[in-house]
Amino acid sequence: MDTLERIKKIISEQLGCREEDIKPELSLEDDLGADQLDLVEIEMAVEEAFEFGMTTEEEESMKTVQDIIKIVEAHNK
């Protein structure tokens, strides 16, 4: 499973939306309806799934699905 598919699965589980509806360009809050608690839970699930810890700067930059992909890829080089 590639990075995008793993992230889509995490977001789908946290927000209760369908994986096929999650696109990289979508805003976690505006398009997918995530609130602050959802964002924290997504962050924690991503950290656990990909085995790294996000910096405060990375946490704050997590606005779209693509932002999460970039953060994960930066840690998995």
N, C-alpha and C. Protein backbone atom coordinates (compact mmCIF):
# COMPACT_ATOMS: atom_id res chain seq x y z
N MET A 1 0.86 -1.18 0.00
CA MET A 1 0.00 0.00 0.00
C MET A 1 0.91 1.25 0.00
N ASP A 2 0.65 2.17 -0.92
CA ASP A 2 1.50 3.36 -0.99
C ASP A 2 1.09 4.39 0.06
N THR A 3 1.88 5.45 0.15
CA THR A 3 1.67 6.47 1.18
C THR A 3 0.27 7.07 1.10
N LEU A 4 -0.16 7.46 -0.09
CA LEU A 4 -1.48 8.08 -0.24
C LEU A 4 -2.58 7.13 0.24
N GLU A 5 -2.50 5.88 -0.13
CA GLU A 5 -3.54 4.92 0.26
C GLU A 5 -3.57 4.73 1.77
N ARG A 6 -2.40 4.69 2.39
CA ARG A 6 -2.35 4.54 3.85
C ARG A 6 -2.94 5.78 4.55
N ILE A 7 -2.62 6.96 4.03
CA ILE A 7 -3.14 8.20 4.61
C ILE A 7 -4.65 8.29 4.40
N LYS A 8 -5.13 7.92 3.22
CA LYS A 8 -6.57 7.93 2.96
C LYS A 8 -7.30 7.00 3.93
N LYS A 9 -6.70 5.85 4.21
CA LYS A 9 -7.31 4.90 5.15
C LYS A 9 -7.41 5.52 6.55
N ILE A 10 -6.34 6.18 6.99
CA ILE A 10 -6.33 6.83 8.31
C ILE A 10 -7.40 7.90 8.37
N ILE A 11 -7.44 8.77 7.37
CA ILE A 11 -8.42 9.86 7.35
C ILE A 11 -9.84 9.31 7.32
N SER A 12 -10.05 8.30 6.51
CA SER A 12 -11.37 7.68 6.41
C SER A 12 -11.82 7.13 7.76
N GLU A 13 -10.92 6.46 8.46
CA GLU A 13 -11.26 5.90 9.77
C GLU A 13 -11.55 7.00 10.79
N GLN A 14 -10.79 8.08 10.75
CA GLN A 14 -10.95 9.15 11.73
C GLN A 14 -12.19 10.00 11.46
N LEU A 15 -12.49 10.25 10.18
CA LEU A 15 -13.58 11.17 9.84
C LEU A 15 -14.85 10.48 9.38
N GLY A 16 -14.79 9.16 9.19
CA GLY A 16 -15.97 8.43 8.77
C GLY A 16 -16.40 8.73 7.33
N CYS A 17 -15.43 9.09 6.49
CA CYS A 17 -15.76 9.33 5.08
C CYS A 17 -15.18 8.19 4.23
N ARG A 18 -15.62 8.13 2.99
CA ARG A 18 -15.15 7.05 2.12
C ARG A 18 -13.77 7.37 1.56
N GLU A 19 -12.91 6.34 1.52
CA GLU A 19 -11.55 6.52 1.02
C GLU A 19 -11.54 7.09 -0.40
N GLU A 20 -12.46 6.63 -1.23
CA GLU A 20 -12.47 7.08 -2.63
C GLU A 20 -12.85 8.55 -2.77
N ASP A 21 -13.41 9.15 -1.71
CA ASP A 21 -13.76 10.57 -1.74
C ASP A 21 -12.61 11.47 -1.29
N ILE A 22 -11.53 10.88 -0.80
CA ILE A 22 -10.40 11.65 -0.28
C ILE A 22 -9.39 11.88 -1.40
N LYS A 23 -9.13 13.14 -1.69
CA LYS A 23 -8.20 13.52 -2.76
C LYS A 23 -7.09 14.37 -2.14
N PRO A 24 -5.87 14.32 -2.72
CA PRO A 24 -4.74 15.06 -2.14
C PRO A 24 -4.99 16.56 -1.97
N GLU A 25 -5.74 17.16 -2.86
CA GLU A 25 -5.93 18.62 -2.81
C GLU A 25 -6.98 19.07 -1.81
N LEU A 26 -7.70 18.15 -1.19
CA LEU A 26 -8.79 18.52 -0.29
C LEU A 26 -8.27 19.05 1.05
N SER A 27 -8.94 20.08 1.54
CA SER A 27 -8.66 20.64 2.86
C SER A 27 -9.26 19.72 3.91
N LEU A 28 -8.46 19.42 4.93
CA LEU A 28 -8.95 18.55 6.00
C LEU A 28 -10.15 19.17 6.71
N GLU A 29 -10.11 20.47 6.96
CA GLU A 29 -11.19 21.14 7.67
C GLU A 29 -12.33 21.55 6.74
N ASP A 30 -12.01 22.30 5.70
CA ASP A 30 -13.06 22.87 4.84
C ASP A 30 -13.77 21.83 3.98
N ASP A 31 -13.03 20.89 3.41
CA ASP A 31 -13.63 19.91 2.51
C ASP A 31 -14.06 18.62 3.20
N LEU A 32 -13.27 18.19 4.19
CA LEU A 32 -13.55 16.91 4.84
C LEU A 32 -14.20 17.05 6.22
N GLY A 33 -14.33 18.28 6.70
CA GLY A 33 -15.06 18.53 7.94
C GLY A 33 -14.34 18.20 9.23
N ALA A 34 -13.01 18.12 9.19
CA ALA A 34 -12.25 17.81 10.40
C ALA A 34 -12.26 19.00 11.36
N ASP A 35 -12.40 18.71 12.66
CA ASP A 35 -12.24 19.76 13.67
C ASP A 35 -10.87 19.59 14.32
N GLN A 36 -10.56 20.40 15.30
CA GLN A 36 -9.23 20.37 15.93
C GLN A 36 -8.93 19.01 16.54
N LEU A 37 -9.91 18.39 17.18
CA LEU A 37 -9.70 17.07 17.77
C LEU A 37 -9.41 16.04 16.68
N ASP A 38 -10.17 16.11 15.58
CA ASP A 38 -9.93 15.20 14.45
C ASP A 38 -8.49 15.35 13.93
N LEU A 39 -8.03 16.58 13.82
CA LEU A 39 -6.68 16.83 13.31
C LEU A 39 -5.63 16.21 14.23
N VAL A 40 -5.83 16.32 15.53
CA VAL A 40 -4.89 15.72 16.48
C VAL A 40 -4.92 14.20 16.35
N GLU A 41 -6.10 13.64 16.21
CA GLU A 41 -6.22 12.18 16.08
C GLU A 41 -5.60 11.69 14.77
N ILE A 42 -5.78 12.46 13.69
CA ILE A 42 -5.17 12.09 12.41
C ILE A 42 -3.65 12.16 12.55
N GLU A 43 -3.17 13.22 13.15
CA GLU A 43 -1.72 13.38 13.36
C GLU A 43 -1.16 12.19 14.14
N MET A 44 -1.80 11.82 15.24
CA MET A 44 -1.32 10.71 16.06
C MET A 44 -1.37 9.39 15.29
N ALA A 45 -2.42 9.18 14.51
CA ALA A 45 -2.53 7.95 13.72
C ALA A 45 -1.46 7.89 12.64
N VAL A 46 -1.16 9.03 12.02
CA VAL A 46 -0.11 9.08 11.00
C VAL A 46 1.25 8.79 11.64
N GLU A 47 1.50 9.41 12.79
CA GLU A 47 2.77 9.19 13.49
C GLU A 47 2.94 7.71 13.85
N GLU A 48 1.88 7.10 14.31
CA GLU A 48 1.95 5.67 14.68
C GLU A 48 2.14 4.79 13.45
N ALA A 49 1.38 5.06 12.40
CA ALA A 49 1.43 4.23 11.20
C ALA A 49 2.78 4.30 10.50
N PHE A 50 3.38 5.50 10.49
CA PHE A 50 4.63 5.69 9.77
C PHE A 50 5.85 5.77 10.70
N GLU A 51 5.62 5.61 12.00
CA GLU A 51 6.67 5.51 13.01
C GLU A 51 7.63 6.69 13.05
N PHE A 52 7.07 7.89 13.23
CA PHE A 52 7.87 9.09 13.45
C PHE A 52 7.03 10.10 14.23
N GLY A 53 7.68 11.13 14.75
CA GLY A 53 6.97 12.18 15.47
C GLY A 53 7.02 13.48 14.68
N MET A 54 5.89 14.15 14.58
CA MET A 54 5.83 15.42 13.87
C MET A 54 6.31 16.55 14.77
N THR A 55 6.95 17.52 14.15
CA THR A 55 7.32 18.73 14.87
C THR A 55 6.08 19.63 14.98
N THR A 56 6.13 20.61 15.85
CA THR A 56 5.02 21.55 15.98
C THR A 56 4.77 22.26 14.65
N GLU A 57 5.83 22.61 13.95
CA GLU A 57 5.70 23.27 12.65
C GLU A 57 4.97 22.37 11.65
N GLU A 58 5.30 21.09 11.65
CA GLU A 58 4.62 20.14 10.75
C GLU A 58 3.15 20.00 11.12
N GLU A 59 2.87 19.91 12.42
CA GLU A 59 1.48 19.80 12.87
C GLU A 59 0.66 20.99 12.38
N GLU A 60 1.23 22.19 12.49
CA GLU A 60 0.52 23.40 12.10
C GLU A 60 0.38 23.52 10.58
N SER A 61 1.26 22.87 9.82
CA SER A 61 1.20 22.97 8.36
C SER A 61 0.26 21.93 7.75
N MET A 62 -0.32 21.09 8.58
CA MET A 62 -1.16 19.99 8.12
C MET A 62 -2.57 20.51 7.78
N LYS A 63 -2.73 21.07 6.59
CA LYS A 63 -4.01 21.66 6.18
C LYS A 63 -4.75 20.82 5.14
N THR A 64 -3.99 20.18 4.24
CA THR A 64 -4.60 19.36 3.19
C THR A 64 -4.07 17.93 3.27
N VAL A 65 -4.69 17.05 2.53
CA VAL A 65 -4.22 15.66 2.45
C VAL A 65 -2.79 15.66 1.90
N GLN A 66 -2.53 16.50 0.90
CA GLN A 66 -1.20 16.59 0.30
C GLN A 66 -0.15 17.02 1.32
N ASP A 67 -0.52 17.90 2.23
CA ASP A 67 0.42 18.33 3.29
C ASP A 67 0.87 17.12 4.12
N ILE A 68 -0.06 16.25 4.43
CA ILE A 68 0.30 15.05 5.22
C ILE A 68 1.25 14.17 4.42
N ILE A 69 0.97 14.01 3.13
CA ILE A 69 1.84 13.19 2.26
C ILE A 69 3.25 13.76 2.27
N LYS A 70 3.38 15.08 2.13
CA LYS A 70 4.71 15.72 2.12
C LYS A 70 5.44 15.49 3.43
N ILE A 71 4.74 15.61 4.54
CA ILE A 71 5.36 15.40 5.86
C ILE A 71 5.86 13.96 5.98
N VAL A 72 5.03 13.01 5.60
CA VAL A 72 5.42 11.59 5.69
C VAL A 72 6.60 11.32 4.80
N GLU A 73 6.56 11.81 3.56
CA GLU A 73 7.66 11.56 2.62
C GLU A 73 8.96 12.18 3.11
N ALA A 74 8.88 13.35 3.77
CA ALA A 74 10.10 13.98 4.30
C ALA A 74 10.74 13.13 5.38
N HIS A 75 9.92 12.41 6.14
CA HIS A 75 10.45 11.56 7.22
C HIS A 75 10.89 10.19 6.73
N ASN A 76 10.43 9.80 5.56
CA ASN A 76 10.73 8.45 5.07
C ASN A 76 11.78 8.44 3.97
N LYS A 77 12.63 9.45 3.96
CA LYS A 77 13.70 9.50 2.94
C LYS A 77 14.84 8.60 3.33
